[in-house]
Amino acid sequence: MAKKRAFISFDFDHDKDLRGSLVEQTKHPDSPFRIKDGSVQEPITEKWKKKARELIRKADLIIVICGEHTHDAAGVTAEVTIVHEENKPYFLLKGRRRKACKKPRSARSSDKMYGWTWENLRRLINGERYPDVPAVE
């Protein structure tokens, strides 16, 4: 089975380490995904939105890593808005186990945040959702 291309949305100012951890997980022999990282480090302009939209369109799914400040990350909010507009599959992953992680402002109220375990990640990438994968909220 071909590995799915995942776009990672994350708070660049606070959660770069989490992005690195997710990239490391793609190196596992049984990993069902590979990263197509969009992390456009530019001010949010129409050019930025166009570039982000192109990257999101090319991805099979979007993984939104949620940290303590994700709700204040304008880039994540814009990316998730584009994800909705493009009707792409996505899920919210709780980035920090012992911290209060926040959803992006553009997340839907019905969006669940899932605990970051290898089993949850594998199942979410394969399209399984709550109640099969327990949410942390």
C-alpha atoms as a PDB file:
ATOM      1  CA  MET A   1       0.000   0.000   0.000  1.00  0.00           C
ATOM      2  CA  ALA A   2       1.315   3.456  -0.914  1.00  0.00           C
ATOM      3  CA  LYS A   3       2.056   5.793   1.955  1.00  0.00           C
ATOM      4  CA  LYS A   4      -0.339   8.696   2.317  1.00  0.00           C
ATOM      5  CA  ARG A   5       1.018  12.212   1.847  1.00  0.00           C
ATOM      6  CA  ALA A   6       0.353  14.249   4.962  1.00  0.00           C
ATOM      7  CA  PHE A   7       0.516  18.012   5.264  1.00  0.00           C
ATOM      8  CA  ILE A   8       1.371  19.117   8.803  1.00  0.00           C
ATOM      9  CA  SER A   9      -0.157  22.260  10.229  1.00  0.00           C
ATOM     10  CA  PHE A  10       1.456  23.455  13.452  1.00  0.00           C
ATOM     11  CA  ASP A  11       2.333  26.570  15.436  1.00  0.00           C
ATOM     12  CA  PHE A  12       5.764  27.401  14.047  1.00  0.00           C
ATOM     13  CA  ASP A  13       6.642  29.721  16.940  1.00  0.00           C
ATOM     14  CA  HIS A  14       5.919  27.218  19.722  1.00  0.00           C
ATOM     15  CA  ASP A  15       5.685  23.675  18.350  1.00  0.00           C
ATOM     16  CA  LYS A  16       8.541  23.170  15.893  1.00  0.00           C
ATOM     17  CA  ASP A  17       9.796  20.337  18.114  1.00  0.00           C
ATOM     18  CA  LEU A  18       6.477  18.511  17.698  1.00  0.00           C
ATOM     19  CA  ARG A  19       6.777  18.720  13.929  1.00  0.00           C
ATOM     20  CA  GLY A  20      10.214  17.106  14.253  1.00  0.00           C
ATOM     21  CA  SER A  21       8.777  14.296  16.353  1.00  0.00           C
ATOM     22  CA  LEU A  22       6.092  13.595  13.761  1.00  0.00           C
ATOM     23  CA  VAL A  23       8.673  13.568  10.972  1.00  0.00           C
ATOM     24  CA  GLU A  24      10.665  10.997  12.955  1.00  0.00           C
ATOM     25  CA  GLN A  25       7.600   8.752  13.099  1.00  0.00           C
ATOM     26  CA  THR A  26       7.464   8.642   9.294  1.00  0.00           C
ATOM     27  CA  LYS A  27      10.795   6.793   9.403  1.00  0.00           C
ATOM     28  CA  HIS A  28       9.276   3.740  11.128  1.00  0.00           C
ATOM     29  CA  PRO A  29       9.152   0.787   8.724  1.00  0.00           C
ATOM     30  CA  ASP A  30       5.393   0.359   9.255  1.00  0.00           C
ATOM     31  CA  SER A  31       4.567   4.060   8.929  1.00  0.00           C
ATOM     32  CA  PRO A  32       1.467   4.565   6.731  1.00  0.00           C
ATOM     33  CA  PHE A  33       2.371   8.153   5.826  1.00  0.00           C
ATOM     34  CA  ARG A  34       5.029  10.538   4.623  1.00  0.00           C
ATOM     35  CA  ILE A  35       5.250  14.251   5.256  1.00  0.00           C
ATOM     36  CA  LYS A  36       4.506  16.933   2.736  1.00  0.00           C
ATOM     37  CA  ASP A  37       5.324  19.834   5.002  1.00  0.00           C
ATOM     38  CA  GLY A  38       3.969  23.178   3.974  1.00  0.00           C
ATOM     39  CA  SER A  39       5.272  25.328   6.797  1.00  0.00           C
ATOM     40  CA  VAL A  40       5.342  28.533   4.793  1.00  0.00           C
ATOM     41  CA  GLN A  41       7.336  30.927   6.964  1.00  0.00           C
ATOM     42  CA  GLU A  42       6.164  34.168   5.441  1.00  0.00           C
ATOM     43  CA  PRO A  43       3.613  36.770   6.475  1.00  0.00           C
ATOM     44  CA  ILE A  44       0.071  35.698   5.615  1.00  0.00           C
ATOM     45  CA  THR A  45      -0.688  37.332   2.278  1.00  0.00           C
ATOM     46  CA  GLU A  46      -2.628  36.244  -0.775  1.00  0.00           C
ATOM     47  CA  LYS A  47       0.628  34.747  -2.111  1.00  0.00           C
ATOM     48  CA  TRP A  48       1.044  32.790   1.150  1.00  0.00           C
ATOM     49  CA  LYS A  49      -2.554  31.530   0.966  1.00  0.00           C
ATOM     50  CA  LYS A  50      -2.106  30.452  -2.638  1.00  0.00           C
ATOM     51  CA  LYS A  51       1.064  28.521  -1.803  1.00  0.00           C
ATOM     52  CA  ALA A  52      -0.553  26.902   1.261  1.00  0.00           C
ATOM     53  CA  ARG A  53      -3.630  25.957  -0.797  1.00  0.00           C
ATOM     54  CA  GLU A  54      -1.467  24.265  -3.448  1.00  0.00           C
ATOM     55  CA  LEU A  55       0.361  22.222  -0.820  1.00  0.00           C
ATOM     56  CA  ILE A  56      -2.866  21.257   0.932  1.00  0.00           C
ATOM     57  CA  ARG A  57      -4.465  20.200  -2.361  1.00  0.00           C
ATOM     58  CA  LYS A  58      -1.522  17.877  -3.076  1.00  0.00           C
ATOM     59  CA  ALA A  59      -1.801  16.163   0.316  1.00  0.00           C
ATOM     60  CA  ASP A  60      -3.947  13.108   0.988  1.00  0.00           C
ATOM     61  CA  LEU A  61      -4.708  14.313   4.515  1.00  0.00           C
ATOM     62  CA  ILE A  62      -3.820  17.071   6.940  1.00  0.00           C
ATOM     63  CA  ILE A  63      -2.502  16.535  10.452  1.00  0.00           C
ATOM     64  CA  VAL A  64      -3.037  19.530  12.730  1.00  0.00           C
ATOM     65  CA  ILE A  65      -0.711  19.384  15.725  1.00  0.00           C
ATOM     66  CA  CYS A  66      -2.320  21.224  18.637  1.00  0.00           C
ATOM     67  CA  GLY A  67      -0.210  22.837  21.322  1.00  0.00           C
ATOM     68  CA  GLU A  68      -0.798  25.353  24.083  1.00  0.00           C
ATOM     69  CA  HIS A  69      -0.873  28.349  21.715  1.00  0.00           C
ATOM     70  CA  THR A  70      -2.418  26.856  18.572  1.00  0.00           C
ATOM     71  CA  HIS A  71      -5.565  28.957  19.005  1.00  0.00           C
ATOM     72  CA  ASP A  72      -3.396  32.077  18.574  1.00  0.00           C
ATOM     73  CA  ALA A  73      -1.419  30.798  15.560  1.00  0.00           C
ATOM     74  CA  ALA A  74      -2.735  32.750  12.566  1.00  0.00           C
ATOM     75  CA  GLY A  75      -1.048  30.401  10.092  1.00  0.00           C
ATOM     76  CA  VAL A  76      -2.722  27.313  11.534  1.00  0.00           C
ATOM     77  CA  THR A  77      -6.094  29.078  11.541  1.00  0.00           C
ATOM     78  CA  ALA A  78      -5.629  30.047   7.878  1.00  0.00           C
ATOM     79  CA  GLU A  79      -4.485  26.540   6.895  1.00  0.00           C
ATOM     80  CA  VAL A  80      -7.451  24.867   8.586  1.00  0.00           C
ATOM     81  CA  THR A  81      -9.783  27.328   6.846  1.00  0.00           C
ATOM     82  CA  ILE A  82      -8.241  26.270   3.522  1.00  0.00           C
ATOM     83  CA  VAL A  83      -8.623  22.606   4.515  1.00  0.00           C
ATOM     84  CA  HIS A  84     -12.360  23.215   5.024  1.00  0.00           C
ATOM     85  CA  GLU A  85     -12.660  25.056   1.707  1.00  0.00           C
ATOM     86  CA  GLU A  86     -10.856  22.239  -0.106  1.00  0.00           C
ATOM     87  CA  ASN A  87     -12.854  19.583   1.755  1.00  0.00           C
ATOM     88  CA  LYS A  88      -9.694  17.668   2.668  1.00  0.00           C
ATOM     89  CA  PRO A  89      -9.634  15.041   5.435  1.00  0.00           C
ATOM     90  CA  TYR A  90      -7.863  16.165   8.582  1.00  0.00           C
ATOM     91  CA  PHE A  91      -7.583  15.464  12.270  1.00  0.00           C
ATOM     92  CA  LEU A  92      -6.369  17.280  15.373  1.00  0.00           C
ATOM     93  CA  LEU A  93      -3.524  15.677  17.294  1.00  0.00           C
ATOM     94  CA  LYS A  94      -2.795  16.669  20.900  1.00  0.00           C
ATOM     95  CA  GLY A  95       0.858  17.646  20.832  1.00  0.00           C
ATOM     96  CA  ARG A  96       1.618  17.859  24.541  1.00  0.00           C
ATOM     97  CA  ARG A  97       0.363  15.175  26.915  1.00  0.00           C
ATOM     98  CA  ARG A  98       0.551  17.101  30.162  1.00  0.00           C
ATOM     99  CA  LYS A  99      -0.468  20.505  28.840  1.00  0.00           C
ATOM    100  CA  ALA A 100      -3.769  22.126  27.940  1.00  0.00           C
ATOM    101  CA  CYS A 101      -3.647  22.069  24.162  1.00  0.00           C
ATOM    102  CA  LYS A 102      -5.951  24.317  22.161  1.00  0.00           C
ATOM    103  CA  LYS A 103      -7.745  23.807  18.871  1.00  0.00           C
ATOM    104  CA  PRO A 104      -7.174  26.281  16.048  1.00  0.00           C
ATOM    105  CA  ARG A 105      -9.810  29.031  15.919  1.00  0.00           C
ATOM    106  CA  SER A 106     -11.027  27.726  12.549  1.00  0.00           C
ATOM    107  CA  ALA A 107     -11.595  24.183  13.837  1.00  0.00           C
ATOM    108  CA  ARG A 108     -15.191  23.047  13.884  1.00  0.00           C
ATOM    109  CA  SER A 109     -16.850  22.705  17.265  1.00  0.00           C
ATOM    110  CA  SER A 110     -17.419  19.029  16.441  1.00  0.00           C
ATOM    111  CA  ASP A 111     -13.698  18.383  15.791  1.00  0.00           C
ATOM    112  CA  LYS A 112     -12.176  16.000  18.301  1.00  0.00           C
ATOM    113  CA  MET A 113      -8.581  16.219  19.482  1.00  0.00           C
ATOM    114  CA  TYR A 114      -6.859  12.840  19.639  1.00  0.00           C
ATOM    115  CA  GLY A 115      -4.056  11.660  21.890  1.00  0.00           C
ATOM    116  CA  TRP A 116      -0.707  11.262  20.152  1.00  0.00           C
ATOM    117  CA  THR A 117       0.140   7.597  20.309  1.00  0.00           C
ATOM    118  CA  TRP A 118       1.498   5.471  17.501  1.00  0.00           C
ATOM    119  CA  GLU A 119      -1.681   3.376  17.427  1.00  0.00           C
ATOM    120  CA  ASN A 120      -3.963   6.429  17.331  1.00  0.00           C
ATOM    121  CA  LEU A 121      -1.841   8.036  14.621  1.00  0.00           C
ATOM    122  CA  ARG A 122      -1.874   4.902  12.485  1.00  0.00           C
ATOM    123  CA  ARG A 123      -5.626   4.484  12.859  1.00  0.00           C
ATOM    124  CA  LEU A 124      -6.395   8.143  12.171  1.00  0.00           C
ATOM    125  CA  ILE A 125      -4.244   8.126   9.041  1.00  0.00           C
ATOM    126  CA  ASN A 126      -6.134   5.060   7.875  1.00  0.00           C
ATOM    127  CA  GLY A 127      -9.397   6.985   8.232  1.00  0.00           C
ATOM    128  CA  GLU A 128     -10.687   5.631  11.542  1.00  0.00           C
ATOM    129  CA  ARG A 129     -12.367   8.165  13.815  1.00  0.00           C
ATOM    130  CA  TYR A 130     -14.136   8.420  17.121  1.00  0.00           C
ATOM    131  CA  PRO A 131     -15.492   6.229  18.743  1.00  0.00           C
ATOM    132  CA  ASP A 132     -12.868   3.771  17.478  1.00  0.00           C
ATOM    133  CA  VAL A 133     -10.058   6.180  18.374  1.00  0.00           C
ATOM    134  CA  PRO A 134     -10.584   7.797  21.769  1.00  0.00           C
ATOM    135  CA  ALA A 135     -10.584  11.598  21.829  1.00  0.00           C
ATOM    136  CA  VAL A 136      -8.805  13.374  24.690  1.00  0.00           C
ATOM    137  CA  GLU A 137     -11.410  16.063  25.258  1.00  0.00           C
END
